C-alpha atoms as a PDB file:
ATOM      1  CA  MET A   1      15.527  12.746   0.255  1.00  0.00           C
ATOM      2  CA  GLY A   2      18.015  10.021   0.150  1.00  0.00           C
ATOM      3  CA  ALA A   3      18.378   7.145   2.433  1.00  0.00           C
ATOM      4  CA  ASP A   4      20.342   9.130   5.035  1.00  0.00           C
ATOM      5  CA  THR A   5      17.090  11.249   5.519  1.00  0.00           C
ATOM      6  CA  LEU A   6      14.725   8.194   5.997  1.00  0.00           C
ATOM      7  CA  PRO A   7      12.833   8.680   9.311  1.00  0.00           C
ATOM      8  CA  VAL A   8      12.316   6.085  12.001  1.00  0.00           C
ATOM      9  CA  ASN A   9       9.403   3.594  11.514  1.00  0.00           C
ATOM     10  CA  ARG A  10       6.972   1.384  13.351  1.00  0.00           C
ATOM     11  CA  CYS A  11       7.968  -2.061  11.987  1.00  0.00           C
ATOM     12  CA  ASP A  12      10.570  -4.682  12.743  1.00  0.00           C
ATOM     13  CA  GLN A  13      13.045  -3.821   9.973  1.00  0.00           C
ATOM     14  CA  PRO A  14      14.845  -0.395   9.409  1.00  0.00           C
ATOM     15  CA  PRO A  15      13.829   1.880   6.570  1.00  0.00           C
ATOM     16  CA  TRP A  16      17.032   1.479   4.666  1.00  0.00           C
ATOM     17  CA  VAL A  17      16.601  -2.387   4.620  1.00  0.00           C
ATOM     18  CA  ILE A  18      13.039  -2.336   3.339  1.00  0.00           C
ATOM     19  CA  ALA A  19      13.921   0.135   0.591  1.00  0.00           C
ATOM     20  CA  SER A  20      16.812  -1.814  -0.769  1.00  0.00           C
ATOM     21  CA  PRO A  21      16.873  -4.210  -3.729  1.00  0.00           C
ATOM     22  CA  ARG A  22      18.401  -6.804  -1.487  1.00  0.00           C
ATOM     23  CA  PHE A  23      15.239  -6.925   0.549  1.00  0.00           C
ATOM     24  CA  ASN A  24      13.220  -7.740  -2.505  1.00  0.00           C
ATOM     25  CA  ARG A  25      15.670 -10.543  -3.532  1.00  0.00           C
ATOM     26  CA  HIS A  26      15.736 -11.919   0.111  1.00  0.00           C
ATOM     27  CA  PRO A  27      12.387 -11.037   1.536  1.00  0.00           C
ATOM     28  CA  LEU A  28      11.752 -10.839   5.265  1.00  0.00           C
ATOM     29  CA  PRO A  29       8.426 -10.754   6.938  1.00  0.00           C
ATOM     30  CA  LEU A  30       7.347  -7.339   8.212  1.00  0.00           C
ATOM     31  CA  GLU A  31       4.951  -6.531  11.248  1.00  0.00           C
ATOM     32  CA  ILE A  32       3.569  -3.303  12.327  1.00  0.00           C
ATOM     33  CA  GLN A  33       4.438  -2.927  16.016  1.00  0.00           C
ATOM     34  CA  GLY A  34       1.604  -3.658  18.359  1.00  0.00           C
ATOM     35  CA  VAL A  35      -1.146  -4.341  15.729  1.00  0.00           C
ATOM     36  CA  ARG A  36      -1.359  -8.179  16.215  1.00  0.00           C
ATOM     37  CA  ARG A  37      -1.240  -7.886  19.973  1.00  0.00           C
ATOM     38  CA  ALA A  38      -3.920  -5.096  20.137  1.00  0.00           C
ATOM     39  CA  HIS A  39      -6.325  -7.243  17.887  1.00  0.00           C
ATOM     40  CA  GLN A  40      -5.419 -10.666  19.134  1.00  0.00           C
ATOM     41  CA  SER A  41      -8.846 -11.887  19.483  1.00  0.00           C
ATOM     42  CA  PHE A  42      -9.522 -11.007  15.870  1.00  0.00           C
ATOM     43  CA  PHE A  43      -6.571 -13.012  14.444  1.00  0.00           C
ATOM     44  CA  SER A  44      -7.475 -15.772  16.845  1.00  0.00           C
ATOM     45  CA  ARG A  45     -11.005 -15.946  15.284  1.00  0.00           C
ATOM     46  CA  LEU A  46      -9.466 -16.032  11.820  1.00  0.00           C
ATOM     47  CA  GLU A  47      -7.594 -19.313  12.834  1.00  0.00           C
ATOM     48  CA  ASN A  48     -10.997 -20.907  13.217  1.00  0.00           C
ATOM     49  CA  LEU A  49     -12.404 -19.877   9.805  1.00  0.00           C
ATOM     50  CA  ALA A  50     -11.433 -22.208   7.040  1.00  0.00           C
ATOM     51  CA  ASP A  51     -13.505 -20.297   4.284  1.00  0.00           C
ATOM     52  CA  PRO A  52     -11.844 -17.340   2.816  1.00  0.00           C
ATOM     53  CA  ALA A  53     -15.180 -15.656   2.408  1.00  0.00           C
ATOM     54  CA  GLY A  54     -15.906 -16.012   6.043  1.00  0.00           C
ATOM     55  CA  ARG A  55     -12.547 -14.409   7.057  1.00  0.00           C
ATOM     56  CA  GLN A  56     -13.513 -11.482   4.623  1.00  0.00           C
ATOM     57  CA  ARG A  57     -16.689 -10.987   6.414  1.00  0.00           C
ATOM     58  CA  CYS A  58     -15.041 -11.407   9.776  1.00  0.00           C
ATOM     59  CA  PHE A  59     -12.578  -8.483   8.705  1.00  0.00           C
ATOM     60  CA  ARG A  60     -15.328  -6.365   7.623  1.00  0.00           C
ATOM     61  CA  ASP A  61     -17.495  -6.844  10.649  1.00  0.00           C
ATOM     62  CA  TYR A  62     -14.299  -6.239  13.035  1.00  0.00           C
ATOM     63  CA  ILE A  63     -13.680  -2.856  11.176  1.00  0.00           C
ATOM     64  CA  ASP A  64     -17.288  -1.831  11.605  1.00  0.00           C
ATOM     65  CA  LEU A  65     -17.295  -2.764  15.294  1.00  0.00           C
ATOM     66  CA  VAL A  66     -13.972  -1.364  16.398  1.00  0.00           C
ATOM     67  CA  PHE A  67     -14.053   1.844  14.257  1.00  0.00           C
ATOM     68  CA  GLN A  68     -17.776   2.290  14.214  1.00  0.00           C
ATOM     69  CA  THR A  69     -17.696   2.926  10.405  1.00  0.00           C
ATOM     70  CA  GLY A  70     -21.158   1.582   9.800  1.00  0.00           C
ATOM     71  CA  LYS A  71     -22.902   4.049  12.327  1.00  0.00           C
ATOM     72  CA  TRP A  72     -22.077   7.356  10.491  1.00  0.00           C
ATOM     73  CA  ARG A  73     -25.888   7.899   9.831  1.00  0.00           C
ATOM     74  CA  ARG A  74     -26.477   8.009  13.448  1.00  0.00           C
ATOM     75  CA  GLU A  75     -24.199  10.911  14.196  1.00  0.00           C
ATOM     76  CA  THR A  76     -25.827  14.240  14.721  1.00  0.00           C
ATOM     77  CA  THR A  77     -23.203  16.550  13.487  1.00  0.00           C
ATOM     78  CA  PRO A  78     -21.819  16.867   9.804  1.00  0.00           C
ATOM     79  CA  LEU A  79     -18.333  16.465  11.281  1.00  0.00           C
ATOM     80  CA  GLY A  80     -19.171  13.284  13.144  1.00  0.00           C
ATOM     81  CA  ARG A  81     -20.758  11.771  10.128  1.00  0.00           C
ATOM     82  CA  ARG A  82     -17.918  12.550   7.777  1.00  0.00           C
ATOM     83  CA  SER A  83     -15.387  11.218  10.276  1.00  0.00           C
ATOM     84  CA  LEU A  84     -17.090   7.839  10.584  1.00  0.00           C
ATOM     85  CA  ARG A  85     -18.045   7.530   6.792  1.00  0.00           C
ATOM     86  CA  ASN A  86     -14.535   8.179   5.632  1.00  0.00           C
ATOM     87  CA  SER A  87     -13.162   4.810   6.269  1.00  0.00           C
ATOM     88  CA  TYR A  88     -10.295   2.859   4.587  1.00  0.00           C
ATOM     89  CA  LEU A  89     -12.618   2.120   1.753  1.00  0.00           C
ATOM     90  CA  ARG A  90     -12.973   5.650   0.704  1.00  0.00           C
ATOM     91  CA  PHE A  91      -9.039   5.943   0.453  1.00  0.00           C
ATOM     92  CA  LEU A  92      -8.506   2.809  -1.564  1.00  0.00           C
ATOM     93  CA  ARG A  93     -11.039   3.889  -4.037  1.00  0.00           C
ATOM     94  CA  GLY A  94      -9.548   7.398  -4.203  1.00  0.00           C
ATOM     95  CA  TRP A  95      -6.191   5.957  -4.831  1.00  0.00           C
ATOM     96  CA  MET A  96      -7.506   3.841  -7.725  1.00  0.00           C
ATOM     97  CA  LEU A  97      -8.765   7.097  -9.432  1.00  0.00           C
ATOM     98  CA  ASP A  98      -5.732   9.079  -8.765  1.00  0.00           C
ATOM     99  CA  ALA A  99      -2.766   8.180  -6.814  1.00  0.00           C
ATOM    100  CA  SER A 100      -1.941  11.947  -6.367  1.00  0.00           C
ATOM    101  CA  SER A 101      -5.193  12.717  -4.932  1.00  0.00           C
ATOM    102  CA  ALA A 102      -5.780  13.627  -1.268  1.00  0.00           C
ATOM    103  CA  GLU A 103      -6.741  10.099  -0.586  1.00  0.00           C
ATOM    104  CA  GLY A 104      -3.242   9.099  -2.001  1.00  0.00           C
ATOM    105  CA  ALA A 105      -1.347  11.474   0.139  1.00  0.00           C
ATOM    106  CA  VAL A 106      -3.003   9.900   3.231  1.00  0.00           C
ATOM    107  CA  LEU A 107      -1.974   6.418   2.052  1.00  0.00           C
ATOM    108  CA  LYS A 108       1.567   7.567   1.310  1.00  0.00           C
ATOM    109  CA  GLY A 109       1.734   9.245   4.716  1.00  0.00           C
ATOM    110  CA  TRP A 110       0.791   5.935   6.371  1.00  0.00           C
ATOM    111  CA  VAL A 111       3.477   4.110   4.462  1.00  0.00           C
ATOM    112  CA  GLU A 112       6.076   6.884   5.665  1.00  0.00           C
ATOM    113  CA  SER A 113       5.045   6.655   9.208  1.00  0.00           C
ATOM    114  CA  ARG A 114       4.905   2.883   9.466  1.00  0.00           C
ATOM    115  CA  PHE A 115       7.797   1.797   7.169  1.00  0.00           C
ATOM    116  CA  GLY A 116       9.950   4.913   7.204  1.00  0.00           C
ATOM    117  CA  LEU A 117       9.837   5.309   3.239  1.00  0.00           C
ATOM    118  CA  PRO A 118       8.965   8.929   2.269  1.00  0.00           C
ATOM    119  CA  PRO A 119       7.132   9.499  -1.074  1.00  0.00           C
ATOM    120  CA  VAL A 120       9.200  10.489  -4.102  1.00  0.00           C
ATOM    121  CA  PHE A 121       6.258  11.687  -6.196  1.00  0.00           C
ATOM    122  CA  HIS A 122       2.967  13.362  -5.483  1.00  0.00           C
ATOM    123  CA  ALA A 123       1.633  15.417  -8.418  1.00  0.00           C
ATOM    124  CA  GLY A 124       5.276  15.817  -9.452  1.00  0.00           C
ATOM    125  CA  TRP A 125       8.762  14.589  -8.381  1.00  0.00           C
ATOM    126  CA  ILE A 126       9.410  15.495  -4.787  1.00  0.00           C
ATOM    127  CA  GLU A 127      12.929  17.105  -4.885  1.00  0.00           C
ATOM    128  CA  GLY A 128      13.174  17.928  -1.172  1.00  0.00           C
ATOM    129  CA  ILE A 129      11.121  18.897   1.865  1.00  0.00           C
ATOM    130  CA  ASP A 130      10.740  22.597   0.736  1.00  0.00           C
ATOM    131  CA  SER A 131       9.419  21.633  -2.726  1.00  0.00           C
ATOM    132  CA  ARG A 132       5.938  22.531  -3.838  1.00  0.00           C
ATOM    133  CA  GLU A 133       5.108  18.736  -4.288  1.00  0.00           C
ATOM    134  CA  TYR A 134       6.174  17.787  -0.871  1.00  0.00           C
ATOM    135  CA  LEU A 135       4.325  20.736   0.785  1.00  0.00           C
ATOM    136  CA  LEU A 136       1.179  19.772  -1.015  1.00  0.00           C
ATOM    137  CA  TYR A 137       1.479  16.163  -0.016  1.00  0.00           C
ATOM    138  CA  LEU A 138       1.859  17.194   3.735  1.00  0.00           C
ATOM    139  CA  ALA A 139      -1.161  19.574   3.475  1.00  0.00           C
ATOM    140  CA  GLU A 140      -3.405  17.070   1.918  1.00  0.00           C
ATOM    141  CA  ARG A 141      -2.255  14.335   4.326  1.00  0.00           C
ATOM    142  CA  MET A 142      -2.853  16.506   7.337  1.00  0.00           C
ATOM    143  CA  ARG A 143      -6.149  17.818   6.256  1.00  0.00           C
ATOM    144  CA  GLU A 144      -7.635  14.515   5.223  1.00  0.00           C
ATOM    145  CA  SER A 145      -6.282  12.432   8.105  1.00  0.00           C
ATOM    146  CA  THR A 146      -8.028  14.789  10.656  1.00  0.00           C
ATOM    147  CA  ARG A 147     -11.295  14.235   8.893  1.00  0.00           C
ATOM    148  CA  THR A 148     -11.425  10.546   9.485  1.00  0.00           C
ATOM    149  CA  ASN A 149     -11.879   8.075  12.473  1.00  0.00           C
ATOM    150  CA  ALA A 150      -8.356   6.592  13.027  1.00  0.00           C
ATOM    151  CA  VAL A 151      -7.935   5.835   9.368  1.00  0.00           C
ATOM    152  CA  GLU A 152      -4.269   4.988   9.888  1.00  0.00           C
ATOM    153  CA  ALA A 153      -5.109   2.463  12.454  1.00  0.00           C
ATOM    154  CA  GLN A 154      -7.521   0.991   9.843  1.00  0.00           C
ATOM    155  CA  PHE A 155      -4.762   0.660   7.302  1.00  0.00           C
ATOM    156  CA  ASP A 156      -2.741  -1.095  10.054  1.00  0.00           C
ATOM    157  CA  LEU A 157      -5.297  -3.702  10.493  1.00  0.00           C
ATOM    158  CA  LEU A 158      -5.909  -4.098   6.740  1.00  0.00           C
ATOM    159  CA  TYR A 159      -2.112  -4.494   6.119  1.00  0.00           C
ATOM    160  CA  GLU A 160      -1.918  -7.209   8.924  1.00  0.00           C
ATOM    161  CA  PHE A 161      -4.963  -8.892   7.583  1.00  0.00           C
ATOM    162  CA  VAL A 162      -3.568  -9.053   4.088  1.00  0.00           C
ATOM    163  CA  GLN A 163      -0.417 -10.407   5.377  1.00  0.00           C
ATOM    164  CA  TYR A 164      -2.307 -13.024   7.400  1.00  0.00           C
ATOM    165  CA  GLU A 165      -4.240 -13.969   4.110  1.00  0.00           C
ATOM    166  CA  LEU A 166      -1.136 -14.228   1.933  1.00  0.00           C
ATOM    167  CA  ARG A 167       0.487 -16.572   4.531  1.00  0.00           C
ATOM    168  CA  ARG A 168      -2.493 -18.743   4.754  1.00  0.00           C
ATOM    169  CA  ARG A 169      -3.399 -19.006   1.166  1.00  0.00           C
ATOM    170  CA  HIS A 170       0.187 -19.188  -0.191  1.00  0.00           C
ATOM    171  CA  PRO A 171       2.274 -20.887   2.676  1.00  0.00           C
ATOM    172  CA  GLY A 172       5.983 -20.569   2.186  1.00  0.00           C
ATOM    173  CA  VAL A 173       5.658 -18.169  -0.882  1.00  0.00           C
ATOM    174  CA  PRO A 174       8.069 -15.245  -0.296  1.00  0.00           C
ATOM    175  CA  SER A 175       7.177 -13.118  -3.477  1.00  0.00           C
ATOM    176  CA  PHE A 176       4.812 -12.765  -6.266  1.00  0.00           C
ATOM    177  CA  LEU A 177       5.337 -11.907  -9.900  1.00  0.00           C
ATOM    178  CA  LEU A 178       3.540  -8.542 -10.556  1.00  0.00           C
ATOM    179  CA  TYR A 179       3.393  -6.064 -13.369  1.00  0.00           C
ATOM    180  CA  ARG A 180       3.212  -2.283 -13.626  1.00  0.00           C
ATOM    181  CA  GLY A 181       2.290  -0.631 -16.890  1.00  0.00           C
ATOM    182  CA  ILE A 182       4.269   2.648 -17.709  1.00  0.00           C
ATOM    183  CA  ARG A 183       4.322   5.056 -20.499  1.00  0.00           C
ATOM    184  CA  ASN A 184       8.046   5.946 -20.490  1.00  0.00           C
ATOM    185  CA  LEU A 185      10.968   4.648 -18.504  1.00  0.00           C
ATOM    186  CA  ALA A 186      12.239   8.234 -18.601  1.00  0.00           C
ATOM    187  CA  ASP A 187       9.539   9.108 -16.142  1.00  0.00           C
ATOM    188  CA  TYR A 188      11.373   7.028 -13.502  1.00  0.00           C
ATOM    189  CA  ARG A 189      14.548   7.420 -11.573  1.00  0.00           C
ATOM    190  CA  VAL A 190      16.941   4.714 -12.711  1.00  0.00           C
ATOM    191  CA  ILE A 191      19.436   3.817 -10.099  1.00  0.00           C
ATOM    192  CA  GLY A 192      21.356   1.091 -11.987  1.00  0.00           C
ATOM    193  CA  ASN A 193      21.347  -1.282 -14.896  1.00  0.00           C
ATOM    194  CA  PRO A 194      22.557  -4.549 -13.662  1.00  0.00           C
ATOM    195  CA  ASP A 195      22.065  -6.686 -16.819  1.00  0.00           C
ATOM    196  CA  GLY A 196      20.466  -6.196 -20.166  1.00  0.00           C
ATOM    197  CA  ASN A 197      16.797  -5.367 -19.630  1.00  0.00           C
ATOM    198  CA  ARG A 198      17.109  -5.541 -15.856  1.00  0.00           C
ATOM    199  CA  THR A 199      17.115  -2.185 -14.312  1.00  0.00           C
ATOM    200  CA  VAL A 200      16.875  -0.894 -10.759  1.00  0.00           C
ATOM    201  CA  VAL A 201      14.426   1.901 -10.434  1.00  0.00           C
ATOM    202  CA  ARG A 202      13.397   3.961  -7.413  1.00  0.00           C
ATOM    203  CA  LEU A 203       9.647   3.456  -7.072  1.00  0.00           C
ATOM    204  CA  ASN A 204       7.269   5.670  -5.023  1.00  0.00           C
ATOM    205  CA  ASN A 205       6.632   4.666  -1.410  1.00  0.00           C
ATOM    206  CA  LEU A 206       3.286   3.080  -2.568  1.00  0.00           C
ATOM    207  CA  ASN A 207       2.571   1.840  -6.108  1.00  0.00           C
ATOM    208  CA  SER A 208      -0.047   0.236  -8.118  1.00  0.00           C
ATOM    209  CA  PHE A 209       0.729  -3.216  -9.725  1.00  0.00           C
ATOM    210  CA  SER A 210      -1.359  -6.000 -11.485  1.00  0.00           C
ATOM    211  CA  SER A 211      -1.266  -9.662 -11.206  1.00  0.00           C
ATOM    212  CA  ARG A 212      -2.400  -9.835 -14.951  1.00  0.00           C
ATOM    213  CA  LEU A 213       0.063  -8.967 -17.686  1.00  0.00           C
ATOM    214  CA  ASP A 214      -2.890  -8.009 -20.170  1.00  0.00           C
ATOM    215  CA  HIS A 215      -4.279  -5.763 -17.611  1.00  0.00           C
ATOM    216  CA  ALA A 216      -0.846  -3.901 -17.019  1.00  0.00           C
ATOM    217  CA  TRP A 217      -0.525  -3.392 -20.880  1.00  0.00           C
ATOM    218  CA  GLN A 218      -3.547  -1.062 -20.731  1.00  0.00           C
ATOM    219  CA  PHE A 219      -1.476   1.622 -18.712  1.00  0.00           C
ATOM    220  CA  GLY A 220       1.381   2.042 -21.292  1.00  0.00           C
ATOM    221  CA  GLY A 221       3.431   0.694 -24.069  1.00  0.00           C
ATOM    222  CA  ASN A 222       5.966  -0.393 -21.478  1.00  0.00           C
ATOM    223  CA  LEU A 223       5.822  -2.327 -18.281  1.00  0.00           C
ATOM    224  CA  PHE A 224       7.873  -3.331 -15.162  1.00  0.00           C
ATOM    225  CA  GLU A 225       7.980  -6.954 -14.184  1.00  0.00           C
ATOM    226  CA  ALA A 226       9.001  -7.472 -10.573  1.00  0.00           C
ATOM    227  CA  ASP A 227       9.302 -10.023  -7.935  1.00  0.00           C
ATOM    228  CA  VAL A 228       7.267  -8.347  -5.191  1.00  0.00           C
ATOM    229  CA  PRO A 229       7.994  -9.610  -1.620  1.00  0.00           C
ATOM    230  CA  ALA A 230       4.639 -10.619   0.038  1.00  0.00           C
ATOM    231  CA  ALA A 231       5.631  -8.297   2.864  1.00  0.00           C
ATOM    232  CA  LYS A 232       5.429  -5.398   0.614  1.00  0.00           C
ATOM    233  CA  ILE A 233       1.827  -5.994  -0.499  1.00  0.00           C
ATOM    234  CA  PHE A 234      -0.424  -3.520   1.415  1.00  0.00           C
ATOM    235  CA  PHE A 235      -3.534  -4.391  -0.442  1.00  0.00           C
ATOM    236  CA  ARG A 236      -4.677  -6.931  -3.011  1.00  0.00           C
ATOM    237  CA  THR A 237      -8.217  -6.966  -4.523  1.00  0.00           C
ATOM    238  CA  ASP A 238      -8.632 -10.769  -4.618  1.00  0.00           C
ATOM    239  CA  LEU A 239      -8.127 -10.848  -0.812  1.00  0.00           C
ATOM    240  CA  LEU A 240     -10.993  -8.484  -0.158  1.00  0.00           C
ATOM    241  CA  PRO A 241     -13.489  -8.519  -3.059  1.00  0.00           C
ATOM    242  CA  GLY A 242     -15.869  -5.679  -3.715  1.00  0.00           C
ATOM    243  CA  VAL A 243     -13.577  -2.985  -2.484  1.00  0.00           C
ATOM    244  CA  LEU A 244     -12.523  -1.935  -6.173  1.00  0.00           C
ATOM    245  CA  PRO A 245     -14.657  -2.208  -9.218  1.00  0.00           C
ATOM    246  CA  LYS A 246     -15.209  -5.743 -10.657  1.00  0.00           C
ATOM    247  CA  GLY A 247     -12.492  -6.646 -13.073  1.00  0.00           C
ATOM    248  CA  GLU A 248      -9.680  -4.622 -11.322  1.00  0.00           C
ATOM    249  CA  GLU A 249      -6.644  -6.930 -10.646  1.00  0.00           C
ATOM    250  CA  GLU A 250      -4.879  -4.468  -8.388  1.00  0.00           C
ATOM    251  CA  ALA A 251      -2.141  -4.838  -5.854  1.00  0.00           C
ATOM    252  CA  MET A 252      -0.902  -1.774  -3.845  1.00  0.00           C
ATOM    253  CA  VAL A 253       2.790  -2.324  -3.276  1.00  0.00           C
ATOM    254  CA  ILE A 254       5.150  -0.683  -0.809  1.00  0.00           C
ATOM    255  CA  GLY A 255       8.131   0.927  -2.864  1.00  0.00           C
ATOM    256  CA  GLY A 256      11.757   1.684  -2.596  1.00  0.00           C
ATOM    257  CA  ASP A 257      14.441   0.520  -4.990  1.00  0.00           C
ATOM    258  CA  PHE A 258      13.295  -2.345  -7.224  1.00  0.00           C
ATOM    259  CA  GLU A 259      15.208  -4.503  -9.659  1.00  0.00           C
ATOM    260  CA  VAL A 260      12.651  -4.791 -12.552  1.00  0.00           C
ATOM    261  CA  THR A 261      12.578  -6.266 -15.982  1.00  0.00           C
ATOM    262  CA  VAL A 262      11.453  -3.582 -18.523  1.00  0.00           C
ATOM    263  CA  ARG A 263       9.227  -4.955 -21.406  1.00  0.00           C
ATOM    264  CA  SER A 264       8.034  -3.011 -24.439  1.00  0.00           C
ATOM    265  CA  TYR A 265       5.508  -3.506 -27.172  1.00  0.00           C
END
């Protein structure tokens, strides 16, 4: 599943550009086609809100209004209740517990459809489209997506909201220094070693990083230190507090080939 097999996407840069280390060194803004236009009134309202807490409330209220996520109790059928209750929140929380879960498959599927980056790991390395891991990923993605109310459209809006917040809170900042704790470098596909402890690794199409070095160390005796483009941050806990348990310093990062610094205890 190399670069020549990457599918088309729904954003304004081709998949092979987004997946490249060059994109990470020279970040470009990304926009999912049609989302800002479809929700123009929402983003116009954000412009008039100076308080981040007010913008967070505005996002939650808008999601509830457009996708009816808060009305699941009123549904008369189990299928209807489950469809509305399974909002973007369920999938973010499921990802935190296990990135290879069914919720993780849906999130990876969203990245593949929007950015053209297929997953390289789901309960094991994905060696091809006929591998057991890829078939598991497809089955879980399809099953769980059909049980929700337009969850990929909810992810679209969440991504664009996060991008808006990053630009507003950190104007002119193209990337952020983030950390990913790992147990063993051998668990990753090394693409190249440009210099010393600098290494190019192929990350999954969606990955967990932390903004806190001490938090990242909790996940292994080694870690990756990377300059992550703002455009590759799908979700960050401080931009929407309360989604993940208190104390988590989580960032969900769109992957590809990343040049990282490897640190060890």
